[in-house]
Amino acid sequence: MRRVAALLGPLTAFSLLVVRGALTLDLGVGRRVRPLGPIARSMAAPPETVFDVIAAPYLGRTPRAMQDKLEVWERGSDTALAAHHTPNGPTTTTTVELVRFERPYRISFRLVRGPVPHVMETYDLRESPEGTAFVYSGELGTDLWAWGRWWGNRVAGTWERTVARSLDGVQAEAERRATSRT
């Protein structure tokens, strides 16, 4: 029994580091890539306004209300290196992403550190009769064959729900700004 306990302690600690995004296993063995999204939205605001709402906390000053969720480590004129803190049950998962801004129609995210070794995502914004046709899409990759596929499916569900919740706030703020300008 002591041997089992001696093994479970380090295994539990190791698993917690992976879940929290503090340890990324990028083995490149048995890599499985699965799609993220698409999540499509129609927003009653012009693409420039939607873009500005998304880009502002990365390229400008991060609002106090977002500081527990977003920590920008480096800012450039069209890129940012940022840590995203997401509550995940009893823990908080931290991902570090390189974010590239192509004004006014595309924002790209590339995972640097997180609970999986590979994530690439894009926000595409296009003019539409309603204002903006918005599409989120991406891919998530894990290693170690079947175990990785299982882990990737768990992470992807949480990832997509987190993006969808974030987009609720983006849409509300962009539409508020568009309404206040008319």
C-alpha atoms as a PDB file:
ATOM      1  CA  MET A   1       0.000   0.000   0.000  1.00  0.00           C
ATOM      2  CA  ARG A   2       2.833   2.393   0.760  1.00  0.00           C
ATOM      3  CA  ARG A   3       4.309   1.783  -2.691  1.00  0.00           C
ATOM      4  CA  VAL A   4       1.021   2.741  -4.320  1.00  0.00           C
ATOM      5  CA  ALA A   5       0.806   5.874  -2.184  1.00  0.00           C
ATOM      6  CA  ALA A   6       4.433   6.708  -2.981  1.00  0.00           C
ATOM      7  CA  LEU A   7       3.640   6.438  -6.702  1.00  0.00           C
ATOM      8  CA  LEU A   8       0.322   8.311  -6.579  1.00  0.00           C
ATOM      9  CA  GLY A   9       1.750  11.375  -4.830  1.00  0.00           C
ATOM     10  CA  PRO A  10       4.190  12.324  -7.609  1.00  0.00           C
ATOM     11  CA  LEU A  11       1.720  11.241 -10.309  1.00  0.00           C
ATOM     12  CA  THR A  12      -0.973  13.477  -8.824  1.00  0.00           C
ATOM     13  CA  ALA A  13       1.449  16.404  -8.584  1.00  0.00           C
ATOM     14  CA  PHE A  14       2.574  15.810 -12.186  1.00  0.00           C
ATOM     15  CA  SER A  15      -1.056  15.681 -13.406  1.00  0.00           C
ATOM     16  CA  LEU A  16      -1.912  18.879 -11.552  1.00  0.00           C
ATOM     17  CA  LEU A  17       1.015  20.694 -13.203  1.00  0.00           C
ATOM     18  CA  VAL A  18      -0.246  19.621 -16.656  1.00  0.00           C
ATOM     19  CA  VAL A  19      -3.875  20.582 -15.905  1.00  0.00           C
ATOM     20  CA  ARG A  20      -2.801  23.996 -14.596  1.00  0.00           C
ATOM     21  CA  GLY A  21      -0.701  24.627 -17.716  1.00  0.00           C
ATOM     22  CA  ALA A  22       2.486  24.892 -15.648  1.00  0.00           C
ATOM     23  CA  LEU A  23       4.000  21.893 -17.445  1.00  0.00           C
ATOM     24  CA  THR A  24       3.591  21.345 -21.175  1.00  0.00           C
ATOM     25  CA  LEU A  25       4.480  17.921 -22.514  1.00  0.00           C
ATOM     26  CA  ASP A  26       5.565  18.358 -26.123  1.00  0.00           C
ATOM     27  CA  LEU A  27       6.940  14.938 -26.992  1.00  0.00           C
ATOM     28  CA  GLY A  28       6.084  14.961 -30.711  1.00  0.00           C
ATOM     29  CA  VAL A  29       5.182  11.266 -30.448  1.00  0.00           C
ATOM     30  CA  GLY A  30       1.757  10.028 -31.506  1.00  0.00           C
ATOM     31  CA  ARG A  31       0.539  13.565 -32.226  1.00  0.00           C
ATOM     32  CA  ARG A  32      -3.195  13.906 -32.770  1.00  0.00           C
ATOM     33  CA  VAL A  33      -4.663  17.166 -34.044  1.00  0.00           C
ATOM     34  CA  ARG A  34      -8.358  17.927 -33.767  1.00  0.00           C
ATOM     35  CA  PRO A  35     -10.352  20.978 -34.837  1.00  0.00           C
ATOM     36  CA  LEU A  36     -11.557  23.692 -32.500  1.00  0.00           C
ATOM     37  CA  GLY A  37     -14.829  25.329 -33.463  1.00  0.00           C
ATOM     38  CA  PRO A  38     -15.998  26.752 -35.647  1.00  0.00           C
ATOM     39  CA  ILE A  39     -17.970  29.183 -33.565  1.00  0.00           C
ATOM     40  CA  ALA A  40     -19.847  31.645 -35.781  1.00  0.00           C
ATOM     41  CA  ARG A  41     -21.531  34.823 -34.597  1.00  0.00           C
ATOM     42  CA  SER A  42     -23.313  37.702 -36.222  1.00  0.00           C
ATOM     43  CA  MET A  43     -22.521  40.932 -34.386  1.00  0.00           C
ATOM     44  CA  ALA A  44     -24.405  44.197 -34.826  1.00  0.00           C
ATOM     45  CA  ALA A  45     -21.218  46.267 -34.957  1.00  0.00           C
ATOM     46  CA  PRO A  46     -18.681  47.019 -37.702  1.00  0.00           C
ATOM     47  CA  PRO A  47     -15.570  44.780 -37.918  1.00  0.00           C
ATOM     48  CA  GLU A  48     -13.335  47.676 -36.822  1.00  0.00           C
ATOM     49  CA  THR A  49     -15.293  48.034 -33.575  1.00  0.00           C
ATOM     50  CA  VAL A  50     -15.258  44.286 -32.863  1.00  0.00           C
ATOM     51  CA  PHE A  51     -11.520  44.213 -33.614  1.00  0.00           C
ATOM     52  CA  ASP A  52     -10.863  47.152 -31.274  1.00  0.00           C
ATOM     53  CA  VAL A  53     -12.812  45.511 -28.423  1.00  0.00           C
ATOM     54  CA  ILE A  54     -10.726  42.339 -28.740  1.00  0.00           C
ATOM     55  CA  ALA A  55      -7.367  44.076 -29.293  1.00  0.00           C
ATOM     56  CA  ALA A  56      -7.626  46.809 -26.653  1.00  0.00           C
ATOM     57  CA  PRO A  57      -6.652  44.795 -23.533  1.00  0.00           C
ATOM     58  CA  TYR A  58      -3.707  43.216 -25.397  1.00  0.00           C
ATOM     59  CA  LEU A  59      -2.280  46.234 -27.227  1.00  0.00           C
ATOM     60  CA  GLY A  60      -3.344  48.946 -24.795  1.00  0.00           C
ATOM     61  CA  ARG A  61      -3.959  48.960 -21.095  1.00  0.00           C
ATOM     62  CA  THR A  62      -5.594  45.859 -19.637  1.00  0.00           C
ATOM     63  CA  PRO A  63      -8.745  46.928 -17.751  1.00  0.00           C
ATOM     64  CA  ARG A  64      -8.712  46.291 -14.013  1.00  0.00           C
ATOM     65  CA  ALA A  65     -11.770  44.026 -14.385  1.00  0.00           C
ATOM     66  CA  MET A  66      -9.753  41.708 -16.674  1.00  0.00           C
ATOM     67  CA  GLN A  67      -6.487  41.609 -14.731  1.00  0.00           C
ATOM     68  CA  ASP A  68      -7.331  38.320 -13.014  1.00  0.00           C
ATOM     69  CA  LYS A  69      -7.973  36.716 -16.434  1.00  0.00           C
ATOM     70  CA  LEU A  70      -5.383  38.360 -18.691  1.00  0.00           C
ATOM     71  CA  GLU A  71      -1.767  39.271 -18.000  1.00  0.00           C
ATOM     72  CA  VAL A  72       0.106  40.815 -20.930  1.00  0.00           C
ATOM     73  CA  TRP A  73       3.815  40.057 -20.658  1.00  0.00           C
ATOM     74  CA  GLU A  74       4.985  41.891 -23.815  1.00  0.00           C
ATOM     75  CA  ARG A  75       3.209  44.337 -26.127  1.00  0.00           C
ATOM     76  CA  GLY A  76       4.117  45.394 -29.641  1.00  0.00           C
ATOM     77  CA  SER A  77       2.265  47.395 -32.264  1.00  0.00           C
ATOM     78  CA  ASP A  78       0.603  44.277 -33.698  1.00  0.00           C
ATOM     79  CA  THR A  79       1.565  41.416 -31.339  1.00  0.00           C
ATOM     80  CA  ALA A  80       1.314  40.521 -27.678  1.00  0.00           C
ATOM     81  CA  LEU A  81       2.586  37.722 -25.490  1.00  0.00           C
ATOM     82  CA  ALA A  82      -0.108  37.105 -22.898  1.00  0.00           C
ATOM     83  CA  ALA A  83      -1.005  34.727 -20.089  1.00  0.00           C
ATOM     84  CA  HIS A  84      -4.676  33.773 -19.858  1.00  0.00           C
ATOM     85  CA  HIS A  85      -5.912  32.564 -16.453  1.00  0.00           C
ATOM     86  CA  THR A  86      -9.030  30.371 -16.641  1.00  0.00           C
ATOM     87  CA  PRO A  87     -10.807  28.891 -13.602  1.00  0.00           C
ATOM     88  CA  ASN A  88     -11.093  25.145 -14.137  1.00  0.00           C
ATOM     89  CA  GLY A  89     -12.838  23.457 -11.221  1.00  0.00           C
ATOM     90  CA  PRO A  90     -10.725  23.790  -8.088  1.00  0.00           C
ATOM     91  CA  THR A  91      -7.682  25.000 -10.037  1.00  0.00           C
ATOM     92  CA  THR A  92      -6.849  27.760 -12.485  1.00  0.00           C
ATOM     93  CA  THR A  93      -5.356  26.855 -15.848  1.00  0.00           C
ATOM     94  CA  THR A  94      -2.808  29.296 -17.244  1.00  0.00           C
ATOM     95  CA  THR A  95      -2.025  29.387 -20.937  1.00  0.00           C
ATOM     96  CA  VAL A  96       0.574  31.615 -22.538  1.00  0.00           C
ATOM     97  CA  GLU A  97      -0.171  32.658 -26.103  1.00  0.00           C
ATOM     98  CA  LEU A  98       1.380  34.766 -28.813  1.00  0.00           C
ATOM     99  CA  VAL A  99      -1.391  36.935 -30.237  1.00  0.00           C
ATOM    100  CA  ARG A 100      -1.026  38.589 -33.663  1.00  0.00           C
ATOM    101  CA  PHE A 101      -3.355  41.354 -34.866  1.00  0.00           C
ATOM    102  CA  GLU A 102      -4.024  41.966 -38.577  1.00  0.00           C
ATOM    103  CA  ARG A 103      -6.263  45.019 -38.489  1.00  0.00           C
ATOM    104  CA  PRO A 104      -9.227  44.929 -38.969  1.00  0.00           C
ATOM    105  CA  TYR A 105     -10.119  41.412 -40.078  1.00  0.00           C
ATOM    106  CA  ARG A 106      -7.989  38.768 -38.328  1.00  0.00           C
ATOM    107  CA  ILE A 107      -6.569  37.922 -34.907  1.00  0.00           C
ATOM    108  CA  SER A 108      -4.388  34.821 -34.517  1.00  0.00           C
ATOM    109  CA  PHE A 109      -3.409  32.970 -31.352  1.00  0.00           C
ATOM    110  CA  ARG A 110      -0.555  30.470 -31.007  1.00  0.00           C
ATOM    111  CA  LEU A 111      -0.076  28.543 -27.776  1.00  0.00           C
ATOM    112  CA  VAL A 112       3.363  28.856 -26.177  1.00  0.00           C
ATOM    113  CA  ARG A 113       2.603  27.046 -22.895  1.00  0.00           C
ATOM    114  CA  GLY A 114      -0.487  25.259 -21.648  1.00  0.00           C
ATOM    115  CA  PRO A 115      -2.141  21.930 -20.875  1.00  0.00           C
ATOM    116  CA  VAL A 116      -1.520  20.654 -24.429  1.00  0.00           C
ATOM    117  CA  PRO A 117       1.500  21.083 -26.704  1.00  0.00           C
ATOM    118  CA  HIS A 118      -0.221  22.628 -29.727  1.00  0.00           C
ATOM    119  CA  VAL A 119      -3.036  25.131 -30.259  1.00  0.00           C
ATOM    120  CA  MET A 120      -3.508  27.565 -33.134  1.00  0.00           C
ATOM    121  CA  GLU A 121      -6.653  29.699 -33.369  1.00  0.00           C
ATOM    122  CA  THR A 122      -8.025  32.518 -35.483  1.00  0.00           C
ATOM    123  CA  TYR A 123     -10.759  35.091 -35.165  1.00  0.00           C
ATOM    124  CA  ASP A 124     -11.950  36.103 -38.639  1.00  0.00           C
ATOM    125  CA  LEU A 125     -14.109  39.211 -38.938  1.00  0.00           C
ATOM    126  CA  ARG A 126     -15.923  40.119 -42.162  1.00  0.00           C
ATOM    127  CA  GLU A 127     -18.398  42.846 -43.012  1.00  0.00           C
ATOM    128  CA  SER A 128     -21.967  41.653 -43.235  1.00  0.00           C
ATOM    129  CA  PRO A 129     -25.379  43.311 -43.605  1.00  0.00           C
ATOM    130  CA  GLU A 130     -25.838  42.971 -39.818  1.00  0.00           C
ATOM    131  CA  GLY A 131     -22.366  44.421 -39.098  1.00  0.00           C
ATOM    132  CA  THR A 132     -19.787  41.658 -38.596  1.00  0.00           C
ATOM    133  CA  ALA A 133     -19.742  37.999 -39.501  1.00  0.00           C
ATOM    134  CA  PHE A 134     -17.379  36.531 -36.900  1.00  0.00           C
ATOM    135  CA  VAL A 135     -15.849  33.035 -37.078  1.00  0.00           C
ATOM    136  CA  TYR A 136     -13.590  31.402 -34.510  1.00  0.00           C
ATOM    137  CA  SER A 137     -11.671  28.307 -35.628  1.00  0.00           C
ATOM    138  CA  GLY A 138      -8.510  26.488 -34.759  1.00  0.00           C
ATOM    139  CA  GLU A 139      -6.769  23.239 -33.997  1.00  0.00           C
ATOM    140  CA  LEU A 140      -5.559  21.532 -30.852  1.00  0.00           C
ATOM    141  CA  GLY A 141      -2.838  18.878 -30.805  1.00  0.00           C
ATOM    142  CA  THR A 142      -1.844  16.329 -28.189  1.00  0.00           C
ATOM    143  CA  ASP A 143       0.759  13.581 -28.023  1.00  0.00           C
ATOM    144  CA  LEU A 144       0.677   9.910 -26.980  1.00  0.00           C
ATOM    145  CA  TRP A 145      -1.963   8.415 -29.315  1.00  0.00           C
ATOM    146  CA  ALA A 146      -5.186   7.295 -27.567  1.00  0.00           C
ATOM    147  CA  TRP A 147      -4.290   8.902 -24.237  1.00  0.00           C
ATOM    148  CA  GLY A 148      -3.584  12.160 -26.040  1.00  0.00           C
ATOM    149  CA  ARG A 149      -6.845  11.959 -27.986  1.00  0.00           C
ATOM    150  CA  TRP A 150      -8.738  11.446 -24.698  1.00  0.00           C
ATOM    151  CA  TRP A 151      -6.926  14.379 -23.057  1.00  0.00           C
ATOM    152  CA  GLY A 152      -7.371  16.580 -26.134  1.00  0.00           C
ATOM    153  CA  ASN A 153     -11.125  15.988 -26.171  1.00  0.00           C
ATOM    154  CA  ARG A 154     -11.368  17.006 -22.498  1.00  0.00           C
ATOM    155  CA  VAL A 155      -9.265  20.131 -23.019  1.00  0.00           C
ATOM    156  CA  ALA A 156     -11.034  21.094 -26.283  1.00  0.00           C
ATOM    157  CA  GLY A 157     -14.475  21.114 -24.673  1.00  0.00           C
ATOM    158  CA  THR A 158     -13.317  23.435 -21.910  1.00  0.00           C
ATOM    159  CA  TRP A 159     -11.349  25.552 -24.395  1.00  0.00           C
ATOM    160  CA  GLU A 160     -14.333  26.083 -26.706  1.00  0.00           C
ATOM    161  CA  ARG A 161     -16.679  26.924 -23.804  1.00  0.00           C
ATOM    162  CA  THR A 162     -14.138  29.471 -22.537  1.00  0.00           C
ATOM    163  CA  VAL A 163     -13.889  31.083 -25.988  1.00  0.00           C
ATOM    164  CA  ALA A 164     -17.689  31.183 -26.315  1.00  0.00           C
ATOM    165  CA  ARG A 165     -18.050  32.918 -22.913  1.00  0.00           C
ATOM    166  CA  SER A 166     -15.370  35.421 -23.893  1.00  0.00           C
ATOM    167  CA  LEU A 167     -17.178  36.117 -27.164  1.00  0.00           C
ATOM    168  CA  ASP A 168     -20.382  36.867 -25.242  1.00  0.00           C
ATOM    169  CA  GLY A 169     -18.573  39.769 -23.591  1.00  0.00           C
ATOM    170  CA  VAL A 170     -16.927  40.904 -26.841  1.00  0.00           C
ATOM    171  CA  GLN A 171     -20.260  40.910 -28.649  1.00  0.00           C
ATOM    172  CA  ALA A 172     -22.057  42.811 -25.877  1.00  0.00           C
ATOM    173  CA  GLU A 173     -19.336  45.490 -25.689  1.00  0.00           C
ATOM    174  CA  ALA A 174     -18.969  45.872 -29.481  1.00  0.00           C
ATOM    175  CA  GLU A 175     -22.728  46.212 -29.938  1.00  0.00           C
ATOM    176  CA  ARG A 176     -22.920  48.694 -27.033  1.00  0.00           C
ATOM    177  CA  ARG A 177     -20.202  50.828 -28.645  1.00  0.00           C
ATOM    178  CA  ALA A 178     -21.876  50.640 -32.058  1.00  0.00           C
ATOM    179  CA  THR A 179     -25.236  51.674 -30.593  1.00  0.00           C
ATOM    180  CA  SER A 180     -23.754  54.580 -28.633  1.00  0.00           C
ATOM    181  CA  ARG A 181     -22.159  55.985 -31.814  1.00  0.00           C
ATOM    182  CA  THR A 182     -25.450  56.287 -33.672  1.00  0.00           C
END
